[in-house]
Protein backbone atom coordinates (compact mmCIF):
# COMPACT_ATOMS: atom_id res chain seq x y z
CA MET A 1 152.39 114.19 191.34
CA LYS A 2 153.01 111.67 188.56
CA ILE A 3 154.23 108.11 188.36
CA ALA A 4 155.69 105.71 185.80
CA SER A 5 156.96 102.14 185.71
CA LEU A 6 159.93 100.52 183.96
CA GLY A 7 158.34 97.09 184.37
CA SER A 8 156.25 95.15 186.83
CA GLY A 9 156.37 91.41 187.50
CA SER A 10 158.51 88.55 188.72
CA LYS A 11 161.31 89.37 186.22
CA GLY A 12 161.84 92.88 187.51
CA ASN A 13 160.11 95.85 189.12
CA ALA A 14 160.87 99.57 189.15
CA THR A 15 158.55 102.52 189.71
CA ILE A 16 159.26 106.25 189.59
CA VAL A 17 157.29 108.71 191.71
CA SER A 18 157.76 112.35 190.74
CA SER A 19 156.65 115.68 192.15
CA GLY A 20 158.05 118.94 190.81
CA SER A 21 161.81 118.47 190.64
CA THR A 22 161.80 115.49 193.02
CA ASN A 23 162.13 112.04 191.44
CA LEU A 24 162.22 108.84 193.48
CA LEU A 25 162.97 105.36 192.16
CA ILE A 26 161.11 102.67 194.05
CA ASP A 27 163.00 99.37 193.68
CA CYS A 28 164.90 98.24 190.62
CA GLY A 29 165.11 94.57 189.74
CA PHE A 30 166.60 95.28 186.31
CA SER A 31 170.24 95.22 185.33
CA LEU A 32 172.07 98.52 184.94
CA ARG A 33 171.87 98.19 181.15
CA GLN A 34 168.14 97.45 181.17
CA PHE A 35 167.51 100.26 183.64
CA GLU A 36 169.26 102.80 181.41
CA LYS A 37 167.50 101.49 178.29
CA ARG A 38 164.02 101.53 179.83
CA LEU A 39 164.52 104.94 181.41
CA ILE A 40 165.06 106.58 178.02
CA SER A 41 161.42 106.02 177.07
CA LEU A 42 160.34 108.12 180.07
CA SER A 43 162.47 111.12 179.05
CA ILE A 44 164.25 111.26 182.38
CA GLY A 45 167.94 110.74 183.05
CA PRO A 46 169.48 108.76 185.92
CA GLU A 47 171.11 111.97 187.13
CA ASN A 48 167.63 113.36 187.83
CA ILE A 49 166.80 110.64 190.37
CA ASP A 50 167.14 111.98 193.91
CA ALA A 51 166.92 108.71 195.83
CA ILE A 52 166.20 104.98 195.57
CA LEU A 53 163.79 103.38 198.02
CA ILE A 54 163.91 99.59 198.41
CA THR A 55 160.85 97.67 199.62
CA HIS A 56 162.68 94.39 200.29
CA GLU A 57 165.69 92.33 199.25
CA HIS A 58 164.26 89.95 196.64
CA SER A 59 166.17 90.20 193.37
CA ASP A 60 163.19 91.25 191.24
CA HIS A 61 163.05 94.40 193.38
CA CYS A 62 166.67 95.18 194.18
CA GLY A 63 168.84 93.26 191.71
CA GLY A 64 170.13 96.39 189.98
CA VAL A 65 170.17 98.85 192.87
CA ILE A 66 173.80 98.56 193.96
CA ARG A 67 175.28 99.19 190.51
CA ILE A 68 172.83 101.97 189.68
CA ALA A 69 173.37 103.75 192.99
CA LYS A 70 177.15 103.47 192.67
CA LYS A 71 177.38 104.64 189.05
CA TYR A 72 175.09 107.63 189.49
CA ASP A 73 175.84 108.39 193.15
CA ILE A 74 172.19 108.04 194.19
CA PRO A 75 171.42 107.66 197.92
CA VAL A 76 169.49 104.54 198.92
CA TRP A 77 166.86 104.36 201.65
CA THR A 78 165.59 101.11 203.13
CA THR A 79 164.94 99.34 206.42
CA PHE A 80 167.78 97.93 208.48
CA GLY A 81 166.66 94.35 207.79
CA THR A 82 166.57 94.87 204.04
CA GLY A 83 169.79 96.86 203.97
CA ARG A 84 171.62 94.17 205.90
CA ALA A 85 170.52 91.61 203.28
CA VAL A 86 171.51 93.77 200.28
CA PHE A 87 174.62 95.75 201.25
CA LYS A 88 178.00 94.84 202.68
CA SER A 89 178.03 97.79 205.06
CA ASN A 90 175.35 99.61 207.07
CA ASN A 91 176.93 102.82 205.80
CA ASP A 92 175.83 102.06 202.24
CA PHE A 93 172.21 103.06 202.87
CA SER A 94 170.06 105.42 204.92
CA LYS A 95 167.74 103.70 207.36
CA LEU A 96 163.99 104.04 207.46
CA SER A 97 161.43 102.33 209.67
CA GLY A 98 157.83 101.29 209.22
CA GLY A 99 155.45 103.99 210.40
CA LYS A 100 158.08 106.76 210.58
CA LEU A 101 157.68 109.55 208.03
CA ILE A 102 160.61 110.89 206.05
CA THR A 103 160.70 113.76 203.56
CA ILE A 104 162.74 113.87 200.36
CA GLY A 105 162.33 117.05 198.35
CA SER A 106 158.64 117.74 197.87
CA LEU A 107 157.50 114.22 198.85
CA GLU A 108 156.61 112.96 202.29
CA ILE A 109 157.03 109.19 202.51
CA LEU A 110 155.35 106.75 204.87
CA PRO A 111 156.97 103.29 204.97
CA VAL A 112 154.25 100.71 205.68
CA THR A 113 155.19 97.40 207.29
CA VAL A 114 153.75 94.46 205.35
CA PRO A 115 153.70 90.66 205.77
CA HIS A 116 156.09 89.12 203.24
CA ASP A 117 158.84 86.50 203.37
CA ALA A 118 161.71 88.96 203.59
CA GLY A 119 163.92 90.49 206.29
CA GLU A 120 162.05 93.72 207.05
CA PRO A 121 159.72 94.49 204.12
CA VAL A 122 157.82 97.74 203.69
CA GLN A 123 155.67 99.34 201.04
CA PHE A 124 155.09 103.08 200.65
CA VAL A 125 152.52 105.85 200.71
CA PHE A 126 153.64 109.20 199.25
CA ARG A 127 152.18 112.63 199.92
CA ASP A 128 152.92 115.69 197.81
CA ILE A 129 153.61 118.36 200.43
CA VAL A 130 152.44 121.11 198.07
CA SER A 131 149.23 119.65 196.60
CA GLY A 132 148.45 117.19 199.38
CA GLU A 133 147.87 114.38 196.86
CA LYS A 134 148.53 110.87 198.17
CA PHE A 135 149.72 107.87 196.18
CA GLY A 136 150.29 104.37 197.50
CA ILE A 137 152.31 101.40 196.28
CA LEU A 138 151.35 97.99 197.67
CA THR A 139 152.86 94.80 196.24
CA ASP A 140 154.62 91.72 197.65
CA THR A 141 152.19 91.36 200.54
CA GLY A 142 150.87 88.03 201.82
CA HIS A 143 147.64 89.25 203.38
CA ILE A 144 145.80 92.45 204.23
CA THR A 145 146.20 93.68 207.80
CA ARG A 146 144.29 96.36 209.72
CA HIS A 147 147.46 98.45 209.59
CA ILE A 148 147.48 98.28 205.79
CA VAL A 149 143.80 99.27 205.55
CA ASP A 150 144.48 102.32 207.72
CA ALA A 151 147.60 103.34 205.79
CA TYR A 152 146.02 103.04 202.32
CA ASN A 153 142.75 104.78 203.13
CA ASN A 154 141.73 107.97 201.30
CA LEU A 155 144.29 107.87 198.49
CA ASP A 156 144.26 109.81 195.22
CA GLY A 157 146.22 107.08 193.42
CA LEU A 158 147.09 103.45 194.10
CA LEU A 159 149.39 100.88 192.51
CA LEU A 160 148.12 97.56 193.84
CA GLU A 161 149.36 94.01 193.40
CA PHE A 162 147.07 91.57 191.59
CA ASN A 163 149.58 88.75 191.55
CA TYR A 164 147.61 85.58 191.02
CA ASP A 165 144.25 84.03 190.31
CA GLN A 166 143.57 81.27 192.84
CA LYS A 167 142.33 78.71 190.29
CA MET A 168 145.16 79.40 187.84
CA LEU A 169 147.72 79.02 190.61
CA GLU A 170 146.20 75.76 191.83
CA ASN A 171 146.14 74.30 188.30
CA GLY A 172 149.36 75.91 187.09
CA PRO A 173 152.91 74.66 186.55
CA TYR A 174 154.45 75.71 189.87
CA PRO A 175 155.55 72.93 192.26
CA TYR A 176 153.36 72.53 195.32
CA SER A 177 155.87 74.20 197.66
CA LEU A 178 156.00 77.33 195.49
CA LYS A 179 152.22 77.45 195.21
CA GLN A 180 152.06 77.36 198.99
CA ARG A 181 154.62 80.16 199.25
CA VAL A 182 152.85 82.43 196.76
CA SER A 183 149.43 81.99 198.35
CA GLY A 184 150.67 81.89 201.93
CA GLU A 185 150.39 84.50 204.67
CA LEU A 186 153.82 85.86 203.68
CA GLY A 187 153.42 85.56 199.92
CA HIS A 188 151.58 87.71 197.40
CA LEU A 189 148.14 89.23 196.99
CA SER A 190 145.55 87.36 194.93
CA ASN A 191 142.92 89.07 192.79
CA ASP A 192 140.34 88.40 195.50
CA GLN A 193 142.51 89.82 198.28
CA SER A 194 143.21 93.01 196.35
CA VAL A 195 139.54 93.50 195.56
CA GLY A 196 138.89 92.99 199.26
CA LEU A 197 141.27 95.82 200.11
CA LEU A 198 139.55 98.13 197.63
CA GLN A 199 136.25 97.33 199.31
CA ALA A 200 137.70 97.95 202.78
CA ILE A 201 139.22 101.39 202.15
CA ASN A 202 137.60 104.69 201.22
CA THR A 203 138.15 105.06 197.47
CA SER A 204 135.82 108.04 196.94
CA GLN A 205 138.71 110.32 195.93
CA LEU A 206 140.72 107.68 194.03
CA ARG A 207 141.53 109.02 190.55
CA CYS A 208 144.17 106.52 189.49
CA LEU A 209 144.22 102.72 189.96
CA ILE A 210 147.04 100.57 188.63
CA ALA A 211 146.99 96.76 188.80
CA ALA A 212 150.59 95.58 189.07
CA HIS A 213 152.90 92.60 189.67
CA ILE A 214 150.53 90.44 187.60
CA SER A 215 151.91 86.91 187.28
CA GLU A 216 152.51 85.79 183.70
CA LYS A 217 151.83 82.14 184.62
CA ASN A 218 149.18 82.40 187.33
CA ASN A 219 147.03 85.31 186.19
CA ALA A 220 145.82 87.18 183.12
CA HIS A 221 144.90 90.79 182.40
CA SER A 222 141.42 89.71 181.33
CA ILE A 223 140.86 88.00 184.70
CA VAL A 224 142.06 91.05 186.62
CA LYS A 225 139.66 93.23 184.64
CA SER A 226 136.76 90.86 185.34
CA HIS A 227 137.45 91.16 189.09
CA LEU A 228 137.48 94.95 188.95
CA GLU A 229 134.46 95.50 186.68
CA PRO A 230 131.85 94.90 189.44
CA LEU A 231 133.46 97.76 191.43
CA GLY A 232 131.89 100.33 189.15
CA HIS A 233 132.76 103.38 191.25
CA LEU A 234 136.50 102.98 190.66
CA PRO A 235 138.49 104.73 187.92
CA GLN A 236 139.30 102.74 184.78
CA PRO A 237 142.23 100.55 185.88
CA ILE A 238 145.63 100.64 184.21
CA LEU A 239 147.33 97.25 183.98
CA ALA A 240 151.11 97.34 184.37
CA SER A 241 153.11 94.99 182.16
CA GLN A 242 156.38 93.18 182.71
CA ASP A 243 157.89 94.30 179.41
CA ALA A 244 156.99 97.98 179.40
CA GLY A 245 155.51 98.91 182.78
CA PHE A 246 153.51 102.05 181.97
CA ASP A 247 154.21 105.60 180.82
CA TRP A 248 153.81 108.70 182.99
CA ILE A 249 150.44 109.00 184.70
CA ASN A 250 149.30 112.18 186.42
CA ILE A 251 147.59 111.44 189.72
């Protein structure tokens, strides 16, 4: 299994999870033009994408999905609540539900229900049905639940949100209402919350750790690194960027 990102942050998110000949696009908050441009650097064509999975309806995660899916005839999977917010018809997407496994090609996918201010948000854990490797994506989550700890236990790879530093958010330029939304129970994960998850799950077999959805105004790569350094047993973290995401990584 391998993964790559076209970009990660409040201006647009898109991740590709690949196993053998199966390629899944997780979200796309970029325009059709940006999507095509960024995809070139990964040496994969849109025609090679088997499905698009949407975590939730916010524009930085689904802004480009409709045009991409229509132009390249790519099926879209998402929850009923998200699909209702994004598409005009329920026939425009295939429905998935939190906790119910689906299989696309050589990847088994577990949608994980998360607390976020959206219609029916989920994140995903993928399992390669040949190798058994497991990779999780967890962003856009307001707080860590017992359900999340159980779902993200014993992974081989993890892309985890480190959205904001509490002090930077408190002293930053956002209006008070937005600060409350970001740090609220249905907002985003702080550096401290994400470290807490890593301490709560079994990471003994974790070979790949990616810090993602890092706020450009309320966080910094150096701060994220300083939070992760004390957890010496973890693999060297990769920090996803808004402009370039990250190149292919083998789990």
